[in-house]
Amino acid sequence: MKKNLAKLHEIEGTLGRIPLEFNLCQTKIASIVCCNFASLI
């Protein structure tokens, strides 16, 4: 798993200079918001 993450870091760094953690964080926040919103309906 850690090897895959390292590989992803390399790809991210090469492609867009967007940190992988930021993408993961954004996705996590989005899914949490969606889940909370869905439970409110």
PDB file of N, CA and C in Angstrom:
ATOM      1  N   MET A   1       0.844  -1.209   0.000  1.00  0.00           N
ATOM      2  CA  MET A   1       0.000   0.000   0.000  1.00  0.00           C
ATOM      3  C   MET A   1       0.876   1.256   0.000  1.00  0.00           C
ATOM      4  N   LYS A   2       1.905   1.251   0.846  1.00  0.00           N
ATOM      5  CA  LYS A   2       2.777   2.429   0.924  1.00  0.00           C
ATOM      6  C   LYS A   2       3.520   2.639  -0.387  1.00  0.00           C
ATOM      7  N   LYS A   3       3.869   1.533  -1.057  1.00  0.00           N
ATOM      8  CA  LYS A   3       4.533   1.654  -2.345  1.00  0.00           C
ATOM      9  C   LYS A   3       3.605   2.315  -3.353  1.00  0.00           C
ATOM     10  N   ASN A   4       2.335   1.902  -3.332  1.00  0.00           N
ATOM     11  CA  ASN A   4       1.346   2.503  -4.233  1.00  0.00           C
ATOM     12  C   ASN A   4       1.193   3.994  -3.969  1.00  0.00           C
ATOM     13  N   LEU A   5       1.135   4.362  -2.688  1.00  0.00           N
ATOM     14  CA  LEU A   5       1.017   5.774  -2.327  1.00  0.00           C
ATOM     15  C   LEU A   5       2.215   6.565  -2.821  1.00  0.00           C
ATOM     16  N   ALA A   6       3.394   6.001  -2.657  1.00  0.00           N
ATOM     17  CA  ALA A   6       4.606   6.666  -3.129  1.00  0.00           C
ATOM     18  C   ALA A   6       4.537   6.868  -4.641  1.00  0.00           C
ATOM     19  N   LYS A   7       4.047   5.833  -5.331  1.00  0.00           N
ATOM     20  CA  LYS A   7       3.911   5.906  -6.784  1.00  0.00           C
ATOM     21  C   LYS A   7       2.914   7.002  -7.149  1.00  0.00           C
ATOM     22  N   LEU A   8       1.789   7.042  -6.447  1.00  0.00           N
ATOM     23  CA  LEU A   8       0.783   8.074  -6.694  1.00  0.00           C
ATOM     24  C   LEU A   8       1.362   9.460  -6.467  1.00  0.00           C
ATOM     25  N   HIS A   9       2.159   9.600  -5.410  1.00  0.00           N
ATOM     26  CA  HIS A   9       2.821  10.878  -5.138  1.00  0.00           C
ATOM     27  C   HIS A   9       3.676  11.302  -6.322  1.00  0.00           C
ATOM     28  N   GLU A  10       4.423  10.342  -6.859  1.00  0.00           N
ATOM     29  CA  GLU A  10       5.279  10.627  -8.011  1.00  0.00           C
ATOM     30  C   GLU A  10       4.445  11.100  -9.189  1.00  0.00           C
ATOM     31  N   ILE A  11       3.377  10.365  -9.478  1.00  0.00           N
ATOM     32  CA  ILE A  11       2.514  10.701 -10.619  1.00  0.00           C
ATOM     33  C   ILE A  11       1.876  12.073 -10.408  1.00  0.00           C
ATOM     34  N   GLU A  12       1.331  12.281  -9.224  1.00  0.00           N
ATOM     35  CA  GLU A  12       0.715  13.578  -8.909  1.00  0.00           C
ATOM     36  C   GLU A  12       1.721  14.704  -9.062  1.00  0.00           C
ATOM     37  N   GLY A  13       2.898  14.492  -8.502  1.00  0.00           N
ATOM     38  CA  GLY A  13       3.940  15.515  -8.552  1.00  0.00           C
ATOM     39  C   GLY A  13       4.337  15.835  -9.983  1.00  0.00           C
ATOM     40  N   THR A  14       4.396  14.797 -10.806  1.00  0.00           N
ATOM     41  CA  THR A  14       4.795  14.993 -12.195  1.00  0.00           C
ATOM     42  C   THR A  14       3.691  15.685 -12.981  1.00  0.00           C
ATOM     43  N   LEU A  15       2.469  15.223 -12.796  1.00  0.00           N
ATOM     44  CA  LEU A  15       1.362  15.716 -13.611  1.00  0.00           C
ATOM     45  C   LEU A  15       0.938  17.126 -13.238  1.00  0.00           C
ATOM     46  N   GLY A  16       0.542  17.305 -11.970  1.00  0.00           N
ATOM     47  CA  GLY A  16      -0.102  18.577 -11.672  1.00  0.00           C
ATOM     48  C   GLY A  16       0.438  19.359 -10.499  1.00  0.00           C
ATOM     49  N   ARG A  17       1.430  18.804  -9.790  1.00  0.00           N
ATOM     50  CA  ARG A  17       1.977  19.494  -8.623  1.00  0.00           C
ATOM     51  C   ARG A  17       0.914  19.705  -7.547  1.00  0.00           C
ATOM     52  N   ILE A  18      -0.161  18.920  -7.602  1.00  0.00           N
ATOM     53  CA  ILE A  18      -1.185  18.995  -6.560  1.00  0.00           C
ATOM     54  C   ILE A  18      -0.897  17.894  -5.553  1.00  0.00           C
ATOM     55  N   PRO A  19      -0.694  18.236  -4.297  1.00  0.00           N
ATOM     56  CA  PRO A  19      -0.376  17.212  -3.307  1.00  0.00           C
ATOM     57  C   PRO A  19      -1.488  16.179  -3.191  1.00  0.00           C
ATOM     58  N   LEU A  20      -1.088  14.929  -3.068  1.00  0.00           N
ATOM     59  CA  LEU A  20      -2.050  13.836  -2.954  1.00  0.00           C
ATOM     60  C   LEU A  20      -2.924  14.008  -1.716  1.00  0.00           C
ATOM     61  N   GLU A  21      -2.324  14.470  -0.628  1.00  0.00           N
ATOM     62  CA  GLU A  21      -3.076  14.654   0.612  1.00  0.00           C
ATOM     63  C   GLU A  21      -4.226  15.624   0.412  1.00  0.00           C
ATOM     64  N   PHE A  22      -3.999  16.669  -0.365  1.00  0.00           N
ATOM     65  CA  PHE A  22      -5.040  17.658  -0.596  1.00  0.00           C
ATOM     66  C   PHE A  22      -6.220  17.024  -1.321  1.00  0.00           C
ATOM     67  N   ASN A  23      -5.912  16.226  -2.344  1.00  0.00           N
ATOM     68  CA  ASN A  23      -6.969  15.545  -3.094  1.00  0.00           C
ATOM     69  C   ASN A  23      -7.752  14.596  -2.196  1.00  0.00           C
ATOM     70  N   LEU A  24      -7.031  13.820  -1.392  1.00  0.00           N
ATOM     71  CA  LEU A  24      -7.681  12.881  -0.485  1.00  0.00           C
ATOM     72  C   LEU A  24      -8.543  13.625   0.520  1.00  0.00           C
ATOM     73  N   CYS A  25      -8.002  14.719   1.049  1.00  0.00           N
ATOM     74  CA  CYS A  25      -8.729  15.520   2.027  1.00  0.00           C
ATOM     75  C   CYS A  25     -10.010  16.062   1.412  1.00  0.00           C
ATOM     76  N   GLN A  26      -9.909  16.618   0.212  1.00  0.00           N
ATOM     77  CA  GLN A  26     -11.067  17.158  -0.486  1.00  0.00           C
ATOM     78  C   GLN A  26     -12.127  16.084  -0.685  1.00  0.00           C
ATOM     79  N   THR A  27     -11.696  14.907  -1.130  1.00  0.00           N
ATOM     80  CA  THR A  27     -12.622  13.807  -1.372  1.00  0.00           C
ATOM     81  C   THR A  27     -13.303  13.389  -0.080  1.00  0.00           C
ATOM     82  N   LYS A  28     -12.505  13.306   0.992  1.00  0.00           N
ATOM     83  CA  LYS A  28     -13.026  12.898   2.289  1.00  0.00           C
ATOM     84  C   LYS A  28     -14.077  13.901   2.766  1.00  0.00           C
ATOM     85  N   ILE A  29     -13.752  15.187   2.670  1.00  0.00           N
ATOM     86  CA  ILE A  29     -14.672  16.242   3.090  1.00  0.00           C
ATOM     87  C   ILE A  29     -15.958  16.172   2.265  1.00  0.00           C
ATOM     88  N   ALA A  30     -15.798  16.003   0.957  1.00  0.00           N
ATOM     89  CA  ALA A  30     -16.962  15.936   0.077  1.00  0.00           C
ATOM     90  C   ALA A  30     -17.873  14.777   0.453  1.00  0.00           C
ATOM     91  N   SER A  31     -17.283  13.609   0.718  1.00  0.00           N
ATOM     92  CA  SER A  31     -18.100  12.449   1.052  1.00  0.00           C
ATOM     93  C   SER A  31     -18.767  12.617   2.412  1.00  0.00           C
ATOM     94  N   ILE A  32     -18.070  13.241   3.359  1.00  0.00           N
ATOM     95  CA  ILE A  32     -18.663  13.488   4.679  1.00  0.00           C
ATOM     96  C   ILE A  32     -19.844  14.446   4.537  1.00  0.00           C
ATOM     97  N   VAL A  33     -19.661  15.505   3.774  1.00  0.00           N
ATOM     98  CA  VAL A  33     -20.730  16.481   3.565  1.00  0.00           C
ATOM     99  C   VAL A  33     -21.926  15.818   2.905  1.00  0.00           C
ATOM    100  N   CYS A  34     -21.654  15.005   1.879  1.00  0.00           N
ATOM    101  CA  CYS A  34     -22.731  14.300   1.177  1.00  0.00           C
ATOM    102  C   CYS A  34     -23.487  13.380   2.119  1.00  0.00           C
ATOM    103  N   CYS A  35     -22.741  12.635   2.926  1.00  0.00           N
ATOM    104  CA  CYS A  35     -23.373  11.704   3.871  1.00  0.00           C
ATOM    105  C   CYS A  35     -24.241  12.457   4.870  1.00  0.00           C
ATOM    106  N   ASN A  36     -23.711  13.538   5.427  1.00  0.00           N
ATOM    107  CA  ASN A  36     -24.467  14.330   6.399  1.00  0.00           C
ATOM    108  C   ASN A  36     -25.701  14.932   5.753  1.00  0.00           C
ATOM    109  N   PHE A  37     -25.543  15.427   4.541  1.00  0.00           N
ATOM    110  CA  PHE A  37     -26.664  16.034   3.819  1.00  0.00           C
ATOM    111  C   PHE A  37     -27.740  15.002   3.534  1.00  0.00           C
ATOM    112  N   ALA A  38     -27.318  13.819   3.123  1.00  0.00           N
ATOM    113  CA  ALA A  38     -28.257  12.741   2.809  1.00  0.00           C
ATOM    114  C   ALA A  38     -29.036  12.311   4.058  1.00  0.00           C
ATOM    115  N   SER A  39     -28.372  12.312   5.204  1.00  0.00           N
ATOM    116  CA  SER A  39     -29.046  11.884   6.431  1.00  0.00           C
ATOM    117  C   SER A  39     -30.027  12.949   6.931  1.00  0.00           C
ATOM    118  N   LEU A  40     -29.843  14.190   6.481  1.00  0.00           N
ATOM    119  CA  LEU A  40     -30.767  15.259   6.884  1.00  0.00           C
ATOM    120  C   LEU A  40     -32.082  15.178   6.122  1.00  0.00           C
ATOM    121  N   ILE A  41     -32.030  14.685   4.902  1.00  0.00           N
ATOM    122  CA  ILE A  41     -33.230  14.638   4.054  1.00  0.00           C
ATOM    123  C   ILE A  41     -34.193  13.574   4.569  1.00  0.00           C
TER     124      ILE A  41
END
